[in-house]
Amino acid sequence: MNRLFRKYHRWLAIAFALPLLNTIVTGIGFSIAKSLHQRQLAGFLIHLHTLETFGLEEVFPIINGIGLLGLLVTGLYMTSLFRQRRVLS
């Protein structure tokens, strides 16, 4: 079972790497641009952050959320925190 979760975790990591990387980089860039009072750059970055430029502002958070939830579930399962321990007699 652990091998199956590793397979799913690897697949999810590959599939959601670009959307999550976009969210991270544009979020950090937006904060920096805003603190440097670069309004045009900050506006552009927030449009990229939400993918509003491509008309995906309503779907993109759901995509990120599903990807992170899947990675969290498969990652936690692989840590063996939820496995039943064998009782030694």
PDB file of N, CA and C in Angstrom:
ATOM      1  N   MET A   1       0.824  -1.194   0.000  1.00  0.00           N
ATOM      2  CA  MET A   1       0.000   0.000   0.000  1.00  0.00           C
ATOM      3  C   MET A   1       0.868   1.259   0.000  1.00  0.00           C
ATOM      4  N   ASN A   2       1.975   1.196   0.748  1.00  0.00           N
ATOM      5  CA  ASN A   2       2.868   2.339   0.823  1.00  0.00           C
ATOM      6  C   ASN A   2       3.440   2.669  -0.563  1.00  0.00           C
ATOM      7  N   ARG A   3       3.720   1.636  -1.344  1.00  0.00           N
ATOM      8  CA  ARG A   3       4.244   1.840  -2.694  1.00  0.00           C
ATOM      9  C   ARG A   3       3.218   2.558  -3.569  1.00  0.00           C
ATOM     10  N   LEU A   4       1.950   2.229  -3.391  1.00  0.00           N
ATOM     11  CA  LEU A   4       0.879   2.869  -4.152  1.00  0.00           C
ATOM     12  C   LEU A   4       0.783   4.356  -3.798  1.00  0.00           C
ATOM     13  N   PHE A   5       0.884   4.668  -2.500  1.00  0.00           N
ATOM     14  CA  PHE A   5       0.818   6.071  -2.095  1.00  0.00           C
ATOM     15  C   PHE A   5       2.040   6.840  -2.580  1.00  0.00           C
ATOM     16  N   ARG A   6       3.196   6.215  -2.639  1.00  0.00           N
ATOM     17  CA  ARG A   6       4.383   6.876  -3.190  1.00  0.00           C
ATOM     18  C   ARG A   6       4.176   7.206  -4.667  1.00  0.00           C
ATOM     19  N   LYS A   7       3.554   6.281  -5.372  1.00  0.00           N
ATOM     20  CA  LYS A   7       3.266   6.489  -6.791  1.00  0.00           C
ATOM     21  C   LYS A   7       2.322   7.678  -6.966  1.00  0.00           C
ATOM     22  N   TYR A   8       1.239   7.713  -6.190  1.00  0.00           N
ATOM     23  CA  TYR A   8       0.293   8.824  -6.275  1.00  0.00           C
ATOM     24  C   TYR A   8       0.929  10.142  -5.852  1.00  0.00           C
ATOM     25  N   HIS A   9       1.740  10.095  -4.813  1.00  0.00           N
ATOM     26  CA  HIS A   9       2.394  11.302  -4.322  1.00  0.00           C
ATOM     27  C   HIS A   9       3.340  11.857  -5.392  1.00  0.00           C
ATOM     28  N   ARG A  10       4.082  10.992  -6.028  1.00  0.00           N
ATOM     29  CA  ARG A  10       4.998  11.416  -7.084  1.00  0.00           C
ATOM     30  C   ARG A  10       4.232  12.018  -8.255  1.00  0.00           C
ATOM     31  N   TRP A  11       3.132  11.380  -8.638  1.00  0.00           N
ATOM     32  CA  TRP A  11       2.323  11.878  -9.744  1.00  0.00           C
ATOM     33  C   TRP A  11       1.721  13.248  -9.409  1.00  0.00           C
ATOM     34  N   LEU A  12       1.199  13.380  -8.190  1.00  0.00           N
ATOM     35  CA  LEU A  12       0.621  14.663  -7.779  1.00  0.00           C
ATOM     36  C   LEU A  12       1.675  15.755  -7.733  1.00  0.00           C
ATOM     37  N   ALA A  13       2.863  15.430  -7.253  1.00  0.00           N
ATOM     38  CA  ALA A  13       3.931  16.423  -7.169  1.00  0.00           C
ATOM     39  C   ALA A  13       4.315  16.930  -8.555  1.00  0.00           C
ATOM     40  N   ILE A  14       4.378  16.032  -9.514  1.00  0.00           N
ATOM     41  CA  ILE A  14       4.715  16.443 -10.881  1.00  0.00           C
ATOM     42  C   ILE A  14       3.587  17.277 -11.487  1.00  0.00           C
ATOM     43  N   ALA A  15       2.355  16.842 -11.289  1.00  0.00           N
ATOM     44  CA  ALA A  15       1.210  17.527 -11.898  1.00  0.00           C
ATOM     45  C   ALA A  15       0.966  18.920 -11.319  1.00  0.00           C
ATOM     46  N   PHE A  16       1.204  19.090 -10.023  1.00  0.00           N
ATOM     47  CA  PHE A  16       0.873  20.359  -9.382  1.00  0.00           C
ATOM     48  C   PHE A  16       2.082  21.229  -9.084  1.00  0.00           C
ATOM     49  N   ALA A  17       3.252  20.863  -9.591  1.00  0.00           N
ATOM     50  CA  ALA A  17       4.456  21.657  -9.330  1.00  0.00           C
ATOM     51  C   ALA A  17       4.355  23.051  -9.956  1.00  0.00           C
ATOM     52  N   LEU A  18       3.939  23.140 -11.195  1.00  0.00           N
ATOM     53  CA  LEU A  18       3.879  24.456 -11.849  1.00  0.00           C
ATOM     54  C   LEU A  18       2.806  25.379 -11.262  1.00  0.00           C
ATOM     55  N   PRO A  19       1.584  24.906 -11.034  1.00  0.00           N
ATOM     56  CA  PRO A  19       0.610  25.810 -10.417  1.00  0.00           C
ATOM     57  C   PRO A  19       1.036  26.292  -9.032  1.00  0.00           C
ATOM     58  N   LEU A  20       1.617  25.408  -8.236  1.00  0.00           N
ATOM     59  CA  LEU A  20       2.056  25.810  -6.901  1.00  0.00           C
ATOM     60  C   LEU A  20       3.261  26.733  -6.967  1.00  0.00           C
ATOM     61  N   LEU A  21       4.179  26.477  -7.896  1.00  0.00           N
ATOM     62  CA  LEU A  21       5.327  27.360  -8.069  1.00  0.00           C
ATOM     63  C   LEU A  21       4.878  28.747  -8.503  1.00  0.00           C
ATOM     64  N   ASN A  22       3.893  28.809  -9.386  1.00  0.00           N
ATOM     65  CA  ASN A  22       3.338  30.099  -9.802  1.00  0.00           C
ATOM     66  C   ASN A  22       2.758  30.849  -8.602  1.00  0.00           C
ATOM     67  N   THR A  23       2.020  30.163  -7.771  1.00  0.00           N
ATOM     68  CA  THR A  23       1.422  30.786  -6.598  1.00  0.00           C
ATOM     69  C   THR A  23       2.486  31.308  -5.646  1.00  0.00           C
ATOM     70  N   ILE A  24       3.526  30.536  -5.414  1.00  0.00           N
ATOM     71  CA  ILE A  24       4.583  30.939  -4.492  1.00  0.00           C
ATOM     72  C   ILE A  24       5.350  32.142  -5.018  1.00  0.00           C
ATOM     73  N   VAL A  25       5.826  32.048  -6.254  1.00  0.00           N
ATOM     74  CA  VAL A  25       6.681  33.105  -6.813  1.00  0.00           C
ATOM     75  C   VAL A  25       5.918  34.415  -6.970  1.00  0.00           C
ATOM     76  N   THR A  26       4.705  34.354  -7.499  1.00  0.00           N
ATOM     77  CA  THR A  26       3.954  35.595  -7.685  1.00  0.00           C
ATOM     78  C   THR A  26       3.474  36.173  -6.351  1.00  0.00           C
ATOM     79  N   GLY A  27       3.198  35.320  -5.378  1.00  0.00           N
ATOM     80  CA  GLY A  27       2.808  35.813  -4.055  1.00  0.00           C
ATOM     81  C   GLY A  27       3.944  36.554  -3.375  1.00  0.00           C
ATOM     82  N   ILE A  28       5.138  35.996  -3.432  1.00  0.00           N
ATOM     83  CA  ILE A  28       6.305  36.662  -2.852  1.00  0.00           C
ATOM     84  C   ILE A  28       6.627  37.928  -3.633  1.00  0.00           C
ATOM     85  N   GLY A  29       6.592  37.832  -4.960  1.00  0.00           N
ATOM     86  CA  GLY A  29       6.860  39.008  -5.805  1.00  0.00           C
ATOM     87  C   GLY A  29       5.869  40.126  -5.568  1.00  0.00           C
ATOM     88  N   PHE A  30       4.597  39.770  -5.376  1.00  0.00           N
ATOM     89  CA  PHE A  30       3.577  40.777  -5.099  1.00  0.00           C
ATOM     90  C   PHE A  30       3.871  41.507  -3.792  1.00  0.00           C
ATOM     91  N   SER A  31       4.242  40.764  -2.766  1.00  0.00           N
ATOM     92  CA  SER A  31       4.550  41.387  -1.473  1.00  0.00           C
ATOM     93  C   SER A  31       5.740  42.331  -1.588  1.00  0.00           C
ATOM     94  N   ILE A  32       6.751  41.920  -2.314  1.00  0.00           N
ATOM     95  CA  ILE A  32       7.930  42.766  -2.487  1.00  0.00           C
ATOM     96  C   ILE A  32       7.590  43.999  -3.310  1.00  0.00           C
ATOM     97  N   ALA A  33       6.872  43.821  -4.412  1.00  0.00           N
ATOM     98  CA  ALA A  33       6.500  44.959  -5.260  1.00  0.00           C
ATOM     99  C   ALA A  33       5.611  45.937  -4.511  1.00  0.00           C
ATOM    100  N   LYS A  34       4.721  45.437  -3.685  1.00  0.00           N
ATOM    101  CA  LYS A  34       3.840  46.304  -2.911  1.00  0.00           C
ATOM    102  C   LYS A  34       4.627  47.101  -1.877  1.00  0.00           C
ATOM    103  N   SER A  35       5.593  46.460  -1.229  1.00  0.00           N
ATOM    104  CA  SER A  35       6.385  47.169  -0.223  1.00  0.00           C
ATOM    105  C   SER A  35       7.316  48.197  -0.861  1.00  0.00           C
ATOM    106  N   LEU A  36       7.675  47.997  -2.135  1.00  0.00           N
ATOM    107  CA  LEU A  36       8.514  48.968  -2.851  1.00  0.00           C
ATOM    108  C   LEU A  36       7.682  50.002  -3.601  1.00  0.00           C
ATOM    109  N   HIS A  37       6.372  49.977  -3.394  1.00  0.00           N
ATOM    110  CA  HIS A  37       5.421  50.924  -4.001  1.00  0.00           C
ATOM    111  C   HIS A  37       5.438  50.864  -5.527  1.00  0.00           C
ATOM    112  N   GLN A  38       5.560  49.668  -6.060  1.00  0.00           N
ATOM    113  CA  GLN A  38       5.508  49.445  -7.504  1.00  0.00           C
ATOM    114  C   GLN A  38       4.106  48.951  -7.858  1.00  0.00           C
ATOM    115  N   ARG A  39       3.192  49.897  -8.025  1.00  0.00           N
ATOM    116  CA  ARG A  39       1.778  49.529  -8.198  1.00  0.00           C
ATOM    117  C   ARG A  39       1.509  48.738  -9.475  1.00  0.00           C
ATOM    118  N   GLN A  40       2.134  49.131 -10.573  1.00  0.00           N
ATOM    119  CA  GLN A  40       1.880  48.419 -11.832  1.00  0.00           C
ATOM    120  C   GLN A  40       2.398  46.987 -11.768  1.00  0.00           C
ATOM    121  N   LEU A  41       3.592  46.816 -11.242  1.00  0.00           N
ATOM    122  CA  LEU A  41       4.154  45.472 -11.118  1.00  0.00           C
ATOM    123  C   LEU A  41       3.327  44.629 -10.156  1.00  0.00           C
ATOM    124  N   ALA A  42       2.908  45.232  -9.047  1.00  0.00           N
ATOM    125  CA  ALA A  42       2.085  44.509  -8.073  1.00  0.00           C
ATOM    126  C   ALA A  42       0.752  44.095  -8.697  1.00  0.00           C
ATOM    127  N   GLY A  43       0.158  44.975  -9.476  1.00  0.00           N
ATOM    128  CA  GLY A  43      -1.098  44.647 -10.150  1.00  0.00           C
ATOM    129  C   GLY A  43      -0.937  43.507 -11.146  1.00  0.00           C
ATOM    130  N   PHE A  44       0.160  43.557 -11.906  1.00  0.00           N
ATOM    131  CA  PHE A  44       0.431  42.489 -12.859  1.00  0.00           C
ATOM    132  C   PHE A  44       0.648  41.156 -12.148  1.00  0.00           C
ATOM    133  N   LEU A  45       1.403  41.183 -11.053  1.00  0.00           N
ATOM    134  CA  LEU A  45       1.694  39.952 -10.320  1.00  0.00           C
ATOM    135  C   LEU A  45       0.452  39.356  -9.675  1.00  0.00           C
ATOM    136  N   ILE A  46      -0.450  40.201  -9.191  1.00  0.00           N
ATOM    137  CA  ILE A  46      -1.667  39.661  -8.582  1.00  0.00           C
ATOM    138  C   ILE A  46      -2.579  39.053  -9.654  1.00  0.00           C
ATOM    139  N   HIS A  47      -2.530  39.615 -10.869  1.00  0.00           N
ATOM    140  CA  HIS A  47      -3.297  39.016 -11.964  1.00  0.00           C
ATOM    141  C   HIS A  47      -2.709  37.650 -12.342  1.00  0.00           C
ATOM    142  N   LEU A  48      -1.389  37.552 -12.325  1.00  0.00           N
ATOM    143  CA  LEU A  48      -0.755  36.251 -12.580  1.00  0.00           C
ATOM    144  C   LEU A  48      -0.989  35.287 -11.421  1.00  0.00           C
ATOM    145  N   HIS A  49      -0.971  35.811 -10.205  1.00  0.00           N
ATOM    146  CA  HIS A  49      -1.151  34.996  -9.007  1.00  0.00           C
ATOM    147  C   HIS A  49      -2.499  34.276  -9.021  1.00  0.00           C
ATOM    148  N   THR A  50      -3.520  34.959  -9.454  1.00  0.00           N
ATOM    149  CA  THR A  50      -4.856  34.364  -9.508  1.00  0.00           C
ATOM    150  C   THR A  50      -5.184  33.788 -10.886  1.00  0.00           C
ATOM    151  N   LEU A  51      -4.253  33.923 -11.816  1.00  0.00           N
ATOM    152  CA  LEU A  51      -4.432  33.529 -13.219  1.00  0.00           C
ATOM    153  C   LEU A  51      -5.633  34.229 -13.863  1.00  0.00           C
ATOM    154  N   GLU A  52      -5.888  35.430 -13.402  1.00  0.00           N
ATOM    155  CA  GLU A  52      -6.968  36.239 -13.977  1.00  0.00           C
ATOM    156  C   GLU A  52      -6.649  36.599 -15.421  1.00  0.00           C
ATOM    157  N   THR A  53      -5.365  36.653 -15.756  1.00  0.00           N
ATOM    158  CA  THR A  53      -4.955  36.969 -17.126  1.00  0.00           C
ATOM    159  C   THR A  53      -5.470  35.941 -18.119  1.00  0.00           C
ATOM    160  N   PHE A  54      -5.644  34.721 -17.676  1.00  0.00           N
ATOM    161  CA  PHE A  54      -6.114  33.651 -18.554  1.00  0.00           C
ATOM    162  C   PHE A  54      -7.570  33.279 -18.301  1.00  0.00           C
ATOM    163  N   GLY A  55      -8.250  34.022 -17.434  1.00  0.00           N
ATOM    164  CA  GLY A  55      -9.655  33.749 -17.144  1.00  0.00           C
ATOM    165  C   GLY A  55      -9.884  32.553 -16.238  1.00  0.00           C
ATOM    166  N   LEU A  56      -8.894  32.189 -15.455  1.00  0.00           N
ATOM    167  CA  LEU A  56      -9.017  31.013 -14.585  1.00  0.00           C
ATOM    168  C   LEU A  56      -9.092  31.381 -13.115  1.00  0.00           C
ATOM    169  N   GLU A  57      -9.461  32.618 -12.808  1.00  0.00           N
ATOM    170  CA  GLU A  57      -9.442  33.075 -11.416  1.00  0.00           C
ATOM    171  C   GLU A  57     -10.411  32.317 -10.511  1.00  0.00           C
ATOM    172  N   GLU A  58     -11.452  31.725 -11.081  1.00  0.00           N
ATOM    173  CA  GLU A  58     -12.405  30.982 -10.258  1.00  0.00           C
ATOM    174  C   GLU A  58     -11.989  29.528 -10.058  1.00  0.00           C
ATOM    175  N   VAL A  59     -11.218  28.977 -10.972  1.00  0.00           N
ATOM    176  CA  VAL A  59     -10.853  27.573 -10.936  1.00  0.00           C
ATOM    177  C   VAL A  59      -9.487  27.346 -10.287  1.00  0.00           C
ATOM    178  N   PHE A  60      -8.593  28.307 -10.423  1.00  0.00           N
ATOM    179  CA  PHE A  60      -7.204  28.126  -9.990  1.00  0.00           C
ATOM    180  C   PHE A  60      -7.064  27.843  -8.494  1.00  0.00           C
ATOM    181  N   PRO A  61      -7.776  28.535  -7.602  1.00  0.00           N
ATOM    182  CA  PRO A  61      -7.660  28.182  -6.180  1.00  0.00           C
ATOM    183  C   PRO A  61      -8.138  26.757  -5.883  1.00  0.00           C
ATOM    184  N   ILE A  62      -9.129  26.297  -6.608  1.00  0.00           N
ATOM    185  CA  ILE A  62      -9.619  24.933  -6.418  1.00  0.00           C
ATOM    186  C   ILE A  62      -8.559  23.930  -6.864  1.00  0.00           C
ATOM    187  N   ILE A  63      -7.904  24.219  -7.989  1.00  0.00           N
ATOM    188  CA  ILE A  63      -6.834  23.349  -8.477  1.00  0.00           C
ATOM    189  C   ILE A  63      -5.708  23.272  -7.451  1.00  0.00           C
ATOM    190  N   ASN A  64      -5.279  24.418  -6.949  1.00  0.00           N
ATOM    191  CA  ASN A  64      -4.220  24.442  -5.936  1.00  0.00           C
ATOM    192  C   ASN A  64      -4.644  23.706  -4.671  1.00  0.00           C
ATOM    193  N   GLY A  65      -5.869  23.918  -4.250  1.00  0.00           N
ATOM    194  CA  GLY A  65      -6.360  23.276  -3.036  1.00  0.00           C
ATOM    195  C   GLY A  65      -6.423  21.766  -3.156  1.00  0.00           C
ATOM    196  N   ILE A  66      -6.921  21.279  -4.273  1.00  0.00           N
ATOM    197  CA  ILE A  66      -7.001  19.830  -4.489  1.00  0.00           C
ATOM    198  C   ILE A  66      -5.601  19.227  -4.540  1.00  0.00           C
ATOM    199  N   GLY A  67      -4.697  19.913  -5.215  1.00  0.00           N
ATOM    200  CA  GLY A  67      -3.330  19.414  -5.301  1.00  0.00           C
ATOM    201  C   GLY A  67      -2.661  19.348  -3.947  1.00  0.00           C
ATOM    202  N   LEU A  68      -2.789  20.410  -3.158  1.00  0.00           N
ATOM    203  CA  LEU A  68      -2.184  20.420  -1.829  1.00  0.00           C
ATOM    204  C   LEU A  68      -2.820  19.400  -0.903  1.00  0.00           C
ATOM    205  N   LEU A  69      -4.117  19.255  -0.988  1.00  0.00           N
ATOM    206  CA  LEU A  69      -4.802  18.262  -0.160  1.00  0.00           C
ATOM    207  C   LEU A  69      -4.354  16.843  -0.509  1.00  0.00           C
ATOM    208  N   GLY A  70      -4.238  16.558  -1.791  1.00  0.00           N
ATOM    209  CA  GLY A  70      -3.760  15.249  -2.223  1.00  0.00           C
ATOM    210  C   GLY A  70      -2.338  14.975  -1.767  1.00  0.00           C
ATOM    211  N   LEU A  71      -1.459  15.983  -1.897  1.00  0.00           N
ATOM    212  CA  LEU A  71      -0.080  15.819  -1.444  1.00  0.00           C
ATOM    213  C   LEU A  71      -0.014  15.637   0.064  1.00  0.00           C
ATOM    214  N   LEU A  72      -0.856  16.349   0.785  1.00  0.00           N
ATOM    215  CA  LEU A  72      -0.873  16.235   2.243  1.00  0.00           C
ATOM    216  C   LEU A  72      -1.326  14.840   2.679  1.00  0.00           C
ATOM    217  N   VAL A  73      -2.397  14.344   2.081  1.00  0.00           N
ATOM    218  CA  VAL A  73      -2.927  13.030   2.461  1.00  0.00           C
ATOM    219  C   VAL A  73      -1.931  11.927   2.135  1.00  0.00           C
ATOM    220  N   THR A  74      -1.387  11.944   0.922  1.00  0.00           N
ATOM    221  CA  THR A  74      -0.446  10.889   0.556  1.00  0.00           C
ATOM    222  C   THR A  74       0.854  11.002   1.354  1.00  0.00           C
ATOM    223  N   GLY A  75       1.299  12.220   1.616  1.00  0.00           N
ATOM    224  CA  GLY A  75       2.513  12.409   2.401  1.00  0.00           C
ATOM    225  C   GLY A  75       2.346  11.965   3.841  1.00  0.00           C
ATOM    226  N   LEU A  76       1.218  12.302   4.445  1.00  0.00           N
ATOM    227  CA  LEU A  76       0.971  11.867   5.820  1.00  0.00           C
ATOM    228  C   LEU A  76       0.850  10.354   5.922  1.00  0.00           C
ATOM    229  N   TYR A  77       0.229   9.744   4.935  1.00  0.00           N
ATOM    230  CA  TYR A  77       0.098   8.294   4.980  1.00  0.00           C
ATOM    231  C   TYR A  77       1.470   7.622   4.914  1.00  0.00           C
ATOM    232  N   MET A  78       2.365   8.191   4.124  1.00  0.00           N
ATOM    233  CA  MET A  78       3.687   7.589   3.984  1.00  0.00           C
ATOM    234  C   MET A  78       4.542   7.734   5.235  1.00  0.00           C
ATOM    235  N   THR A  79       4.186   8.638   6.149  1.00  0.00           N
ATOM    236  CA  THR A  79       4.966   8.789   7.374  1.00  0.00           C
ATOM    237  C   THR A  79       4.683   7.681   8.373  1.00  0.00           C
ATOM    238  N   SER A  80       3.684   6.894   8.132  1.00  0.00           N
ATOM    239  CA  SER A  80       3.242   5.779   8.983  1.00  0.00           C
ATOM    240  C   SER A  80       2.732   6.247  10.343  1.00  0.00           C
ATOM    241  N   LEU A  81       2.233   7.462  10.428  1.00  0.00           N
ATOM    242  CA  LEU A  81       1.642   7.954  11.668  1.00  0.00           C
ATOM    243  C   LEU A  81       0.314   7.275  11.978  1.00  0.00           C
ATOM    244  N   PHE A  82      -0.373   6.826  10.946  1.00  0.00           N
ATOM    245  CA  PHE A  82      -1.719   6.290  11.134  1.00  0.00           C
ATOM    246  C   PHE A  82      -1.780   4.771  11.042  1.00  0.00           C
ATOM    247  N   ARG A  83      -0.657   4.126  11.052  1.00  0.00           N
ATOM    248  CA  ARG A  83      -0.656   2.666  11.001  1.00  0.00           C
ATOM    249  C   ARG A  83      -0.821   2.096  12.398  1.00  0.00           C
ATOM    250  N   GLN A  84      -1.493   0.975  12.454  1.00  0.00           N
ATOM    251  CA  GLN A  84      -1.656   0.319  13.746  1.00  0.00           C
ATOM    252  C   GLN A  84      -0.369  -0.417  14.096  1.00  0.00           C
ATOM    253  N   ARG A  85       0.044  -0.255  15.294  1.00  0.00           N
ATOM    254  CA  ARG A  85       1.263  -0.897  15.755  1.00  0.00           C
ATOM    255  C   ARG A  85       0.965  -2.354  16.120  1.00  0.00           C
ATOM    256  N   ARG A  86       1.905  -3.215  15.858  1.00  0.00           N
ATOM    257  CA  ARG A  86       1.754  -4.622  16.211  1.00  0.00           C
ATOM    258  C   ARG A  86       2.027  -4.790  17.693  1.00  0.00           C
ATOM    259  N   VAL A  87       1.194  -5.568  18.318  1.00  0.00           N
ATOM    260  CA  VAL A  87       1.370  -5.846  19.734  1.00  0.00           C
ATOM    261  C   VAL A  87       2.259  -7.078  19.863  1.00  0.00           C
ATOM    262  N   LEU A  88       3.375  -6.914  20.537  1.00  0.00           N
ATOM    263  CA  LEU A  88       4.280  -8.042  20.760  1.00  0.00           C
ATOM    264  C   LEU A  88       3.825  -8.822  21.970  1.00  0.00           C
ATOM    265  N   SER A  89       3.696 -10.125  21.810  1.00  0.00           N
ATOM    266  CA  SER A  89       3.257 -10.922  22.963  1.00  0.00           C
ATOM    267  C   SER A  89       4.325 -11.860  23.425  1.00  0.00           C
TER     268      SER A  89
END
